[in-house]
Amino acid sequence: MSDYANKKTRGAFIAAIFAMQGFEILAGGMVGIILSAAFKLKFDAPSYEIDPIGSTFSQADYVWRLIVMFGALPATLTYYWHLKMPETAYYTALVAKNAKQVAADISKVLQVKIEAEPEKIEHIAQETSNSFGFFYKQFLHRHRLHLLRTTSNWFLLDITFYSQNLFQKDIFSATGWLPAAKTMNAVEEVYKLARA
């Protein structure tokens, strides 16, 4: 939907979307805390060090399954809403060359009345067909700093979020936020990891 945003707010709109990743991590932790606390109250199990087999009781598997199900719900809703979204105006205009559909889509999204102008689409299509491609020197000369800044920021953001999620158990254990795994049962470990 950022294609329909104006130039002043488009960057903030995209930044807000990526900022939601942090909120999703917090929400996942809260779901993990609530579910593991409920299972911990219902099913009391010894630690791994006392009973290795009994520490992972059969119902403990449901904690992970329920956490994944809660995580799949927003993704499923996003997929459904994405199917209902109109195609971008640029694609409809330049590839499909359908001026009426462009006007209808923009009118629907922006909630304003717009008339179809096929002659403008032909003019824009001619201008863009004469432009240079991605691997041409002109493109790199004009956009190399934009590409470098964008890829650097994206890379640093991904390192932060993904490495935290992949290695948080090891980091939390090394810093003392989590006790040794052998001193907990399976559900208690989920609870303490989600809390940390």
N, C-alpha and C. Protein backbone atom coordinates (compact mmCIF):
# COMPACT_ATOMS: atom_id res chain seq x y z
N MET A 1 0.81 -1.19 0.00
CA MET A 1 0.00 0.00 0.00
C MET A 1 0.86 1.26 0.00
N SER A 2 2.17 1.10 0.16
CA SER A 2 3.02 2.29 0.17
C SER A 2 3.05 2.96 -1.20
N ASP A 3 2.66 2.23 -2.27
CA ASP A 3 2.60 2.85 -3.59
C ASP A 3 1.56 3.96 -3.64
N TYR A 4 0.55 3.86 -2.81
CA TYR A 4 -0.51 4.86 -2.80
C TYR A 4 -0.25 5.99 -1.81
N ALA A 5 0.80 5.87 -1.01
CA ALA A 5 1.12 6.91 -0.04
C ALA A 5 1.83 8.07 -0.75
N ASN A 6 1.70 9.27 -0.20
CA ASN A 6 2.38 10.39 -0.82
C ASN A 6 3.87 10.36 -0.46
N LYS A 7 4.66 11.17 -1.14
CA LYS A 7 6.12 11.13 -0.95
C LYS A 7 6.55 11.51 0.46
N LYS A 8 5.81 12.39 1.11
CA LYS A 8 6.22 12.85 2.44
C LYS A 8 6.05 11.77 3.51
N THR A 9 5.04 10.93 3.37
CA THR A 9 4.76 9.93 4.42
C THR A 9 5.13 8.51 4.02
N ARG A 10 5.57 8.29 2.80
CA ARG A 10 5.85 6.93 2.35
C ARG A 10 6.97 6.28 3.16
N GLY A 11 8.04 7.00 3.42
CA GLY A 11 9.16 6.45 4.20
C GLY A 11 8.75 6.11 5.62
N ALA A 12 7.97 6.98 6.23
CA ALA A 12 7.49 6.71 7.59
C ALA A 12 6.56 5.51 7.61
N PHE A 13 5.76 5.37 6.57
CA PHE A 13 4.84 4.24 6.47
C PHE A 13 5.61 2.92 6.39
N ILE A 14 6.64 2.89 5.57
CA ILE A 14 7.46 1.67 5.43
C ILE A 14 8.24 1.41 6.71
N ALA A 15 8.79 2.45 7.34
CA ALA A 15 9.51 2.28 8.60
C ALA A 15 8.60 1.74 9.70
N ALA A 16 7.35 2.20 9.72
CA ALA A 16 6.39 1.70 10.72
C ALA A 16 6.11 0.22 10.51
N ILE A 17 6.06 -0.20 9.26
CA ILE A 17 5.83 -1.62 8.97
C ILE A 17 6.99 -2.45 9.51
N PHE A 18 8.22 -2.02 9.29
CA PHE A 18 9.37 -2.78 9.78
C PHE A 18 9.52 -2.68 11.29
N ALA A 19 9.06 -1.58 11.88
CA ALA A 19 9.11 -1.45 13.34
C ALA A 19 8.18 -2.45 14.01
N MET A 20 7.17 -2.89 13.29
CA MET A 20 6.24 -3.87 13.86
C MET A 20 6.95 -5.19 14.17
N GLN A 21 8.08 -5.44 13.55
CA GLN A 21 8.83 -6.67 13.82
C GLN A 21 9.21 -6.75 15.30
N GLY A 22 9.61 -5.66 15.88
CA GLY A 22 9.94 -5.64 17.30
C GLY A 22 8.71 -5.91 18.17
N PHE A 23 7.57 -5.32 17.79
CA PHE A 23 6.34 -5.57 18.53
C PHE A 23 5.91 -7.03 18.41
N GLU A 24 6.17 -7.62 17.24
CA GLU A 24 5.83 -9.03 17.04
C GLU A 24 6.67 -9.92 17.95
N ILE A 25 7.92 -9.57 18.14
CA ILE A 25 8.77 -10.34 19.05
C ILE A 25 8.25 -10.25 20.47
N LEU A 26 7.84 -9.04 20.89
CA LEU A 26 7.26 -8.87 22.22
C LEU A 26 5.95 -9.65 22.36
N ALA A 27 5.11 -9.59 21.35
CA ALA A 27 3.83 -10.31 21.40
C ALA A 27 4.07 -11.82 21.46
N GLY A 28 5.06 -12.31 20.71
CA GLY A 28 5.39 -13.73 20.76
C GLY A 28 5.87 -14.15 22.14
N GLY A 29 6.65 -13.29 22.79
CA GLY A 29 7.10 -13.57 24.15
C GLY A 29 5.94 -13.63 25.12
N MET A 30 4.98 -12.71 24.96
CA MET A 30 3.81 -12.70 25.85
C MET A 30 2.96 -13.95 25.66
N VAL A 31 2.77 -14.37 24.41
CA VAL A 31 2.01 -15.60 24.15
C VAL A 31 2.74 -16.79 24.76
N GLY A 32 4.06 -16.83 24.61
CA GLY A 32 4.84 -17.92 25.21
C GLY A 32 4.74 -17.95 26.72
N ILE A 33 4.76 -16.78 27.36
CA ILE A 33 4.65 -16.70 28.82
C ILE A 33 3.28 -17.21 29.28
N ILE A 34 2.23 -16.73 28.63
CA ILE A 34 0.88 -17.10 29.04
C ILE A 34 0.64 -18.60 28.86
N LEU A 35 0.99 -19.15 27.70
CA LEU A 35 0.74 -20.57 27.45
C LEU A 35 1.60 -21.46 28.35
N SER A 36 2.87 -21.13 28.48
CA SER A 36 3.73 -21.98 29.31
C SER A 36 3.35 -21.90 30.78
N ALA A 37 2.91 -20.72 31.24
CA ALA A 37 2.47 -20.59 32.63
C ALA A 37 1.22 -21.42 32.88
N ALA A 38 0.30 -21.43 31.91
CA ALA A 38 -0.93 -22.23 32.05
C ALA A 38 -0.60 -23.72 32.10
N PHE A 39 0.30 -24.17 31.22
CA PHE A 39 0.67 -25.59 31.21
C PHE A 39 1.49 -25.95 32.44
N LYS A 40 2.29 -25.01 32.92
CA LYS A 40 3.11 -25.25 34.11
C LYS A 40 2.23 -25.44 35.34
N LEU A 41 1.15 -24.68 35.43
CA LEU A 41 0.22 -24.84 36.55
C LEU A 41 -0.55 -26.16 36.47
N LYS A 42 -0.92 -26.54 35.27
CA LYS A 42 -1.74 -27.75 35.08
C LYS A 42 -0.93 -29.03 35.21
N PHE A 43 0.27 -29.05 34.64
CA PHE A 43 1.09 -30.25 34.61
C PHE A 43 2.41 -29.97 35.31
N ASP A 44 2.59 -30.51 36.48
CA ASP A 44 3.84 -30.33 37.22
C ASP A 44 4.80 -31.45 36.83
N ALA A 45 6.00 -31.09 36.43
CA ALA A 45 6.97 -32.08 36.00
C ALA A 45 8.31 -31.81 36.67
N PRO A 46 9.10 -32.86 36.90
CA PRO A 46 10.42 -32.67 37.51
C PRO A 46 11.41 -32.05 36.51
N SER A 47 12.52 -31.58 37.00
CA SER A 47 13.55 -31.01 36.11
C SER A 47 14.24 -32.14 35.35
N TYR A 48 15.00 -31.75 34.34
CA TYR A 48 15.71 -32.73 33.50
C TYR A 48 16.73 -33.50 34.31
N GLU A 49 17.35 -32.85 35.24
CA GLU A 49 18.40 -33.48 36.03
C GLU A 49 17.83 -34.57 36.95
N ILE A 50 16.59 -34.41 37.40
CA ILE A 50 15.95 -35.42 38.26
C ILE A 50 15.38 -36.56 37.42
N ASP A 51 14.61 -36.23 36.37
CA ASP A 51 13.98 -37.25 35.52
C ASP A 51 14.03 -36.78 34.07
N PRO A 52 15.04 -37.21 33.29
CA PRO A 52 15.18 -36.73 31.92
C PRO A 52 13.95 -37.00 31.04
N ILE A 53 13.33 -38.14 31.19
CA ILE A 53 12.18 -38.46 30.36
C ILE A 53 10.92 -37.75 30.87
N GLY A 54 10.72 -37.74 32.18
CA GLY A 54 9.54 -37.12 32.77
C GLY A 54 9.54 -35.60 32.68
N SER A 55 10.69 -34.99 32.45
CA SER A 55 10.75 -33.52 32.36
C SER A 55 10.08 -33.01 31.10
N THR A 56 10.01 -33.85 30.09
CA THR A 56 9.32 -33.50 28.85
C THR A 56 8.06 -34.35 28.76
N PHE A 57 7.02 -33.97 29.45
CA PHE A 57 5.77 -34.72 29.44
C PHE A 57 5.07 -34.54 28.12
N SER A 58 4.17 -35.44 27.78
CA SER A 58 3.56 -35.46 26.44
C SER A 58 2.78 -34.18 26.12
N GLN A 59 2.17 -33.56 27.12
CA GLN A 59 1.39 -32.34 26.86
C GLN A 59 2.27 -31.12 26.58
N ALA A 60 3.56 -31.22 26.91
CA ALA A 60 4.46 -30.09 26.67
C ALA A 60 4.58 -29.77 25.18
N ASP A 61 4.36 -30.76 24.34
CA ASP A 61 4.43 -30.54 22.90
C ASP A 61 3.35 -29.56 22.44
N TYR A 62 2.23 -29.52 23.14
CA TYR A 62 1.14 -28.63 22.76
C TYR A 62 1.51 -27.15 22.96
N VAL A 63 2.41 -26.88 23.88
CA VAL A 63 2.82 -25.48 24.11
C VAL A 63 3.43 -24.92 22.82
N TRP A 64 4.37 -25.65 22.23
CA TRP A 64 5.01 -25.17 21.01
C TRP A 64 4.03 -25.10 19.86
N ARG A 65 3.15 -26.10 19.79
CA ARG A 65 2.17 -26.09 18.70
C ARG A 65 1.23 -24.89 18.81
N LEU A 66 0.79 -24.59 20.01
CA LEU A 66 -0.10 -23.44 20.19
C LEU A 66 0.61 -22.11 19.92
N ILE A 67 1.86 -22.00 20.32
CA ILE A 67 2.63 -20.78 20.03
C ILE A 67 2.75 -20.58 18.53
N VAL A 68 3.03 -21.65 17.80
CA VAL A 68 3.14 -21.55 16.33
C VAL A 68 1.79 -21.20 15.72
N MET A 69 0.71 -21.77 16.27
CA MET A 69 -0.63 -21.45 15.75
C MET A 69 -0.96 -19.98 15.96
N PHE A 70 -0.65 -19.43 17.13
CA PHE A 70 -0.89 -18.01 17.37
C PHE A 70 -0.04 -17.16 16.42
N GLY A 71 1.18 -17.59 16.15
CA GLY A 71 2.04 -16.85 15.22
C GLY A 71 1.57 -16.94 13.79
N ALA A 72 0.91 -18.04 13.44
CA ALA A 72 0.42 -18.21 12.07
C ALA A 72 -0.84 -17.40 11.79
N LEU A 73 -1.57 -17.05 12.83
CA LEU A 73 -2.82 -16.31 12.65
C LEU A 73 -2.62 -14.95 11.98
N PRO A 74 -1.71 -14.08 12.47
CA PRO A 74 -1.52 -12.81 11.76
C PRO A 74 -1.00 -12.99 10.33
N ALA A 75 -0.15 -13.99 10.13
CA ALA A 75 0.36 -14.23 8.77
C ALA A 75 -0.76 -14.66 7.83
N THR A 76 -1.67 -15.49 8.32
CA THR A 76 -2.80 -15.93 7.51
C THR A 76 -3.73 -14.77 7.18
N LEU A 77 -4.00 -13.93 8.17
CA LEU A 77 -4.85 -12.76 7.93
C LEU A 77 -4.19 -11.79 6.94
N THR A 78 -2.88 -11.61 7.06
CA THR A 78 -2.16 -10.74 6.13
C THR A 78 -2.24 -11.28 4.71
N TYR A 79 -2.09 -12.60 4.57
CA TYR A 79 -2.19 -13.23 3.25
C TYR A 79 -3.58 -13.02 2.65
N TYR A 80 -4.61 -13.20 3.49
CA TYR A 80 -5.99 -13.01 3.02
C TYR A 80 -6.20 -11.56 2.58
N TRP A 81 -5.78 -10.60 3.41
CA TRP A 81 -5.97 -9.19 3.05
C TRP A 81 -5.15 -8.81 1.82
N HIS A 82 -3.99 -9.44 1.65
CA HIS A 82 -3.18 -9.16 0.47
C HIS A 82 -3.89 -9.63 -0.80
N LEU A 83 -4.63 -10.74 -0.72
CA LEU A 83 -5.38 -11.21 -1.88
C LEU A 83 -6.50 -10.24 -2.25
N LYS A 84 -7.02 -9.52 -1.27
CA LYS A 84 -8.10 -8.57 -1.51
C LYS A 84 -7.61 -7.21 -1.98
N MET A 85 -6.30 -6.96 -1.85
CA MET A 85 -5.73 -5.67 -2.21
C MET A 85 -5.64 -5.52 -3.74
N PRO A 86 -5.85 -4.32 -4.25
CA PRO A 86 -5.68 -4.13 -5.69
C PRO A 86 -4.20 -4.17 -6.09
N GLU A 87 -3.97 -4.51 -7.35
CA GLU A 87 -2.61 -4.49 -7.88
C GLU A 87 -2.12 -3.05 -7.88
N THR A 88 -0.80 -2.86 -7.86
CA THR A 88 -0.28 -1.49 -7.85
C THR A 88 -0.65 -0.78 -9.15
N ALA A 89 -0.81 0.52 -9.02
CA ALA A 89 -1.21 1.32 -10.18
C ALA A 89 -0.15 1.27 -11.28
N TYR A 90 1.12 1.21 -10.89
CA TYR A 90 2.20 1.16 -11.88
C TYR A 90 2.11 -0.10 -12.73
N TYR A 91 1.87 -1.22 -12.09
CA TYR A 91 1.78 -2.48 -12.84
C TYR A 91 0.55 -2.45 -13.76
N THR A 92 -0.59 -2.04 -13.21
CA THR A 92 -1.82 -2.03 -14.00
C THR A 92 -1.69 -1.07 -15.18
N ALA A 93 -1.02 0.05 -14.97
CA ALA A 93 -0.89 1.04 -16.04
C ALA A 93 0.14 0.63 -17.08
N LEU A 94 1.33 0.22 -16.63
CA LEU A 94 2.43 0.01 -17.57
C LEU A 94 2.48 -1.39 -18.16
N VAL A 95 2.06 -2.40 -17.42
CA VAL A 95 2.12 -3.77 -17.93
C VAL A 95 0.77 -4.19 -18.50
N ALA A 96 -0.29 -4.04 -17.70
CA ALA A 96 -1.62 -4.43 -18.16
C ALA A 96 -2.24 -3.38 -19.09
N LYS A 97 -1.75 -2.15 -19.03
CA LYS A 97 -2.24 -1.03 -19.85
C LYS A 97 -3.76 -0.88 -19.76
N ASN A 98 -4.26 -0.87 -18.52
CA ASN A 98 -5.69 -0.79 -18.29
C ASN A 98 -5.99 0.48 -17.48
N ALA A 99 -6.29 1.55 -18.18
CA ALA A 99 -6.50 2.86 -17.54
C ALA A 99 -7.74 2.86 -16.65
N LYS A 100 -8.79 2.17 -17.08
CA LYS A 100 -10.01 2.13 -16.27
C LYS A 100 -9.77 1.43 -14.94
N GLN A 101 -9.01 0.35 -14.96
CA GLN A 101 -8.72 -0.38 -13.72
C GLN A 101 -7.82 0.44 -12.79
N VAL A 102 -6.87 1.18 -13.37
CA VAL A 102 -6.02 2.06 -12.56
C VAL A 102 -6.88 3.09 -11.84
N ALA A 103 -7.78 3.73 -12.57
CA ALA A 103 -8.65 4.75 -11.97
C ALA A 103 -9.54 4.13 -10.90
N ALA A 104 -10.06 2.93 -11.16
CA ALA A 104 -10.93 2.27 -10.18
C ALA A 104 -10.16 1.90 -8.91
N ASP A 105 -8.93 1.37 -9.08
CA ASP A 105 -8.12 0.97 -7.92
C ASP A 105 -7.72 2.17 -7.07
N ILE A 106 -7.27 3.24 -7.73
CA ILE A 106 -6.86 4.43 -6.98
C ILE A 106 -8.07 5.06 -6.29
N SER A 107 -9.21 5.07 -6.97
CA SER A 107 -10.43 5.61 -6.37
C SER A 107 -10.83 4.81 -5.14
N LYS A 108 -10.68 3.49 -5.23
CA LYS A 108 -11.06 2.63 -4.11
C LYS A 108 -10.13 2.82 -2.91
N VAL A 109 -8.83 2.88 -3.17
CA VAL A 109 -7.85 3.00 -2.07
C VAL A 109 -7.87 4.38 -1.45
N LEU A 110 -7.85 5.42 -2.28
CA LEU A 110 -7.78 6.80 -1.77
C LEU A 110 -9.15 7.39 -1.46
N GLN A 111 -10.21 6.69 -1.84
CA GLN A 111 -11.59 7.11 -1.61
C GLN A 111 -11.87 8.49 -2.20
N VAL A 112 -11.40 8.66 -3.43
CA VAL A 112 -11.70 9.87 -4.20
C VAL A 112 -12.09 9.44 -5.62
N LYS A 113 -12.82 10.28 -6.32
CA LYS A 113 -13.25 9.97 -7.68
C LYS A 113 -12.16 10.37 -8.66
N ILE A 114 -11.67 9.42 -9.46
CA ILE A 114 -10.63 9.68 -10.46
C ILE A 114 -11.11 9.14 -11.80
N GLU A 115 -10.91 9.92 -12.83
CA GLU A 115 -11.31 9.53 -14.18
C GLU A 115 -10.14 8.84 -14.89
N ALA A 116 -10.45 7.87 -15.72
CA ALA A 116 -9.43 7.15 -16.49
C ALA A 116 -8.87 8.06 -17.59
N GLU A 117 -7.55 8.05 -17.76
CA GLU A 117 -6.90 8.85 -18.78
C GLU A 117 -5.91 7.97 -19.55
N PRO A 118 -6.39 7.23 -20.56
CA PRO A 118 -5.53 6.29 -21.30
C PRO A 118 -4.34 6.95 -21.99
N GLU A 119 -4.51 8.21 -22.45
CA GLU A 119 -3.41 8.88 -23.16
C GLU A 119 -2.22 9.13 -22.23
N LYS A 120 -2.47 9.39 -20.96
CA LYS A 120 -1.38 9.59 -20.00
C LYS A 120 -0.62 8.29 -19.77
N ILE A 121 -1.33 7.19 -19.75
CA ILE A 121 -0.68 5.88 -19.55
C ILE A 121 0.24 5.58 -20.72
N GLU A 122 -0.21 5.86 -21.93
CA GLU A 122 0.65 5.65 -23.11
C GLU A 122 1.89 6.52 -23.05
N HIS A 123 1.74 7.77 -22.62
CA HIS A 123 2.88 8.69 -22.51
C HIS A 123 3.89 8.18 -21.46
N ILE A 124 3.39 7.75 -20.30
CA ILE A 124 4.27 7.22 -19.25
C ILE A 124 4.95 5.94 -19.71
N ALA A 125 4.23 5.10 -20.42
CA ALA A 125 4.81 3.84 -20.91
C ALA A 125 5.94 4.11 -21.89
N GLN A 126 5.80 5.12 -22.74
CA GLN A 126 6.86 5.47 -23.67
C GLN A 126 8.08 6.02 -22.94
N GLU A 127 7.86 6.84 -21.93
CA GLU A 127 8.97 7.40 -21.16
C GLU A 127 9.76 6.30 -20.43
N THR A 128 9.05 5.37 -19.82
CA THR A 128 9.74 4.34 -19.04
C THR A 128 10.39 3.30 -19.92
N SER A 129 9.87 3.09 -21.14
CA SER A 129 10.50 2.11 -22.02
C SER A 129 11.86 2.58 -22.51
N ASN A 130 12.09 3.90 -22.53
CA ASN A 130 13.37 4.44 -22.96
C ASN A 130 14.37 4.55 -21.81
N SER A 131 13.96 4.23 -20.59
CA SER A 131 14.87 4.36 -19.45
C SER A 131 15.87 3.21 -19.44
N PHE A 132 16.89 3.36 -18.64
CA PHE A 132 17.95 2.36 -18.60
C PHE A 132 17.62 1.28 -17.59
N GLY A 133 18.22 0.11 -17.79
CA GLY A 133 17.95 -1.04 -16.93
C GLY A 133 18.80 -1.04 -15.67
N PHE A 134 18.63 -2.08 -14.89
CA PHE A 134 19.26 -2.18 -13.58
C PHE A 134 20.78 -2.28 -13.67
N PHE A 135 21.32 -2.99 -14.65
CA PHE A 135 22.75 -3.24 -14.70
C PHE A 135 23.51 -2.28 -15.62
N TYR A 136 22.88 -1.22 -16.01
CA TYR A 136 23.57 -0.25 -16.84
C TYR A 136 24.38 0.71 -15.97
N LYS A 137 25.45 1.25 -16.55
CA LYS A 137 26.31 2.18 -15.81
C LYS A 137 25.55 3.42 -15.38
N GLN A 138 24.62 3.89 -16.22
CA GLN A 138 23.83 5.07 -15.87
C GLN A 138 23.02 4.82 -14.59
N PHE A 139 22.43 3.64 -14.50
CA PHE A 139 21.63 3.32 -13.32
C PHE A 139 22.52 3.29 -12.08
N LEU A 140 23.65 2.60 -12.16
CA LEU A 140 24.54 2.53 -11.01
C LEU A 140 25.11 3.89 -10.65
N HIS A 141 25.41 4.71 -11.65
CA HIS A 141 25.93 6.05 -11.37
C HIS A 141 24.88 6.88 -10.63
N ARG A 142 23.64 6.76 -11.04
CA ARG A 142 22.59 7.57 -10.44
C ARG A 142 22.13 7.03 -9.08
N HIS A 143 22.11 5.71 -8.91
CA HIS A 143 21.48 5.12 -7.73
C HIS A 143 22.41 4.32 -6.82
N ARG A 144 23.70 4.36 -7.04
CA ARG A 144 24.59 3.52 -6.23
C ARG A 144 24.53 3.85 -4.75
N LEU A 145 24.47 5.13 -4.41
CA LEU A 145 24.39 5.50 -2.99
C LEU A 145 23.05 5.09 -2.37
N HIS A 146 21.98 5.22 -3.14
CA HIS A 146 20.67 4.78 -2.64
C HIS A 146 20.70 3.27 -2.37
N LEU A 147 21.26 2.52 -3.30
CA LEU A 147 21.34 1.06 -3.12
C LEU A 147 22.21 0.69 -1.92
N LEU A 148 23.34 1.36 -1.78
CA LEU A 148 24.24 1.07 -0.67
C LEU A 148 23.58 1.38 0.67
N ARG A 149 22.93 2.53 0.77
CA ARG A 149 22.26 2.90 2.02
C ARG A 149 21.12 1.93 2.36
N THR A 150 20.34 1.61 1.36
CA THR A 150 19.19 0.73 1.60
C THR A 150 19.65 -0.67 2.00
N THR A 151 20.59 -1.23 1.26
CA THR A 151 21.04 -2.58 1.59
C THR A 151 21.78 -2.63 2.91
N SER A 152 22.53 -1.60 3.24
CA SER A 152 23.24 -1.57 4.53
C SER A 152 22.26 -1.53 5.69
N ASN A 153 21.27 -0.65 5.61
CA ASN A 153 20.27 -0.58 6.67
C ASN A 153 19.49 -1.87 6.80
N TRP A 154 19.11 -2.44 5.69
CA TRP A 154 18.35 -3.68 5.72
C TRP A 154 19.19 -4.80 6.33
N PHE A 155 20.46 -4.87 5.94
CA PHE A 155 21.36 -5.90 6.47
C PHE A 155 21.53 -5.77 7.98
N LEU A 156 21.76 -4.53 8.46
CA LEU A 156 21.93 -4.32 9.90
C LEU A 156 20.66 -4.63 10.68
N LEU A 157 19.51 -4.29 10.12
CA LEU A 157 18.24 -4.61 10.77
C LEU A 157 18.05 -6.12 10.86
N ASP A 158 18.33 -6.82 9.78
CA ASP A 158 18.17 -8.28 9.79
C ASP A 158 19.15 -8.95 10.74
N ILE A 159 20.38 -8.46 10.80
CA ILE A 159 21.34 -9.03 11.75
C ILE A 159 20.81 -8.89 13.17
N THR A 160 20.28 -7.72 13.48
CA THR A 160 19.78 -7.47 14.83
C THR A 160 18.62 -8.39 15.18
N PHE A 161 17.59 -8.40 14.35
CA PHE A 161 16.40 -9.16 14.69
C PHE A 161 16.61 -10.67 14.58
N TYR A 162 17.18 -11.12 13.46
CA TYR A 162 17.28 -12.56 13.26
C TYR A 162 18.33 -13.21 14.16
N SER A 163 19.46 -12.56 14.37
CA SER A 163 20.46 -13.15 15.25
C SER A 163 19.97 -13.19 16.68
N GLN A 164 19.22 -12.18 17.08
CA GLN A 164 18.66 -12.19 18.44
C GLN A 164 17.73 -13.38 18.62
N ASN A 165 16.87 -13.61 17.63
CA ASN A 165 15.93 -14.72 17.75
C ASN A 165 16.62 -16.08 17.63
N LEU A 166 17.64 -16.18 16.82
CA LEU A 166 18.33 -17.46 16.65
C LEU A 166 19.20 -17.83 17.84
N PHE A 167 19.86 -16.85 18.42
CA PHE A 167 20.86 -17.14 19.45
C PHE A 167 20.49 -16.66 20.84
N GLN A 168 19.25 -16.23 21.04
CA GLN A 168 18.91 -15.65 22.34
C GLN A 168 19.03 -16.67 23.47
N LYS A 169 18.74 -17.93 23.21
CA LYS A 169 18.85 -18.93 24.27
C LYS A 169 20.30 -19.04 24.75
N ASP A 170 21.23 -19.07 23.81
CA ASP A 170 22.64 -19.17 24.17
C ASP A 170 23.13 -17.89 24.85
N ILE A 171 22.70 -16.74 24.35
CA ILE A 171 23.12 -15.46 24.94
C ILE A 171 22.57 -15.32 26.35
N PHE A 172 21.28 -15.65 26.52
CA PHE A 172 20.67 -15.53 27.84
C PHE A 172 21.28 -16.50 28.84
N SER A 173 21.68 -17.67 28.39
CA SER A 173 22.33 -18.63 29.29
C SER A 173 23.72 -18.13 29.69
N ALA A 174 24.45 -17.58 28.72
CA ALA A 174 25.81 -17.11 28.99
C ALA A 174 25.82 -15.90 29.93
N THR A 175 24.80 -15.06 29.83
CA THR A 175 24.75 -13.87 30.69
C THR A 175 24.11 -14.14 32.05
N GLY A 176 23.58 -15.33 32.24
CA GLY A 176 22.99 -15.69 33.52
C GLY A 176 21.51 -15.37 33.64
N TRP A 177 20.88 -14.95 32.55
CA TRP A 177 19.44 -14.67 32.60
C TRP A 177 18.62 -15.95 32.64
N LEU A 178 19.21 -17.04 32.13
CA LEU A 178 18.55 -18.34 32.17
C LEU A 178 19.41 -19.30 32.98
N PRO A 179 18.78 -20.11 33.82
CA PRO A 179 19.57 -21.14 34.52
C PRO A 179 19.94 -22.25 33.54
N ALA A 180 20.78 -23.16 33.98
CA ALA A 180 21.19 -24.27 33.12
C ALA A 180 19.96 -25.09 32.73
N ALA A 181 19.95 -25.60 31.50
CA ALA A 181 18.78 -26.33 30.99
C ALA A 181 18.46 -27.56 31.83
N LYS A 182 19.47 -28.18 32.41
CA LYS A 182 19.22 -29.40 33.18
C LYS A 182 18.44 -29.14 34.47
N THR A 183 18.39 -27.88 34.91
CA THR A 183 17.67 -27.56 36.16
C THR A 183 16.20 -27.24 35.92
N MET A 184 15.72 -27.34 34.67
CA MET A 184 14.32 -27.00 34.35
C MET A 184 13.66 -28.15 33.60
N ASN A 185 12.34 -28.15 33.61
CA ASN A 185 11.63 -29.06 32.72
C ASN A 185 11.33 -28.31 31.42
N ALA A 186 10.70 -28.97 30.45
CA ALA A 186 10.52 -28.39 29.12
C ALA A 186 9.65 -27.13 29.15
N VAL A 187 8.55 -27.17 29.87
CA VAL A 187 7.64 -26.02 29.89
C VAL A 187 8.23 -24.86 30.68
N GLU A 188 8.95 -25.17 31.74
CA GLU A 188 9.60 -24.12 32.52
C GLU A 188 10.66 -23.41 31.69
N GLU A 189 11.33 -24.16 30.83
CA GLU A 189 12.34 -23.56 29.97
C GLU A 189 11.69 -22.60 28.97
N VAL A 190 10.54 -22.99 28.43
CA VAL A 190 9.82 -22.10 27.51
C VAL A 190 9.41 -20.82 28.24
N TYR A 191 8.91 -20.97 29.46
CA TYR A 191 8.46 -19.82 30.24
C TYR A 191 9.62 -18.85 30.51
N LYS A 192 10.74 -19.40 30.96
CA LYS A 192 11.88 -18.53 31.32
C LYS A 192 12.51 -17.90 30.09
N LEU A 193 12.54 -18.64 28.99
CA LEU A 193 13.08 -18.08 27.74
C LEU A 193 12.17 -16.97 27.22
N ALA A 194 10.87 -17.19 27.25
CA ALA A 194 9.92 -16.16 26.78
C ALA A 194 10.00 -14.93 27.69
N ARG A 195 10.15 -15.13 28.98
CA ARG A 195 10.24 -14.01 29.92
C ARG A 195 11.54 -13.22 29.68
N ALA A 196 12.63 -13.92 29.45
CA ALA A 196 13.92 -13.26 29.21
C ALA A 196 13.87 -12.49 27.90
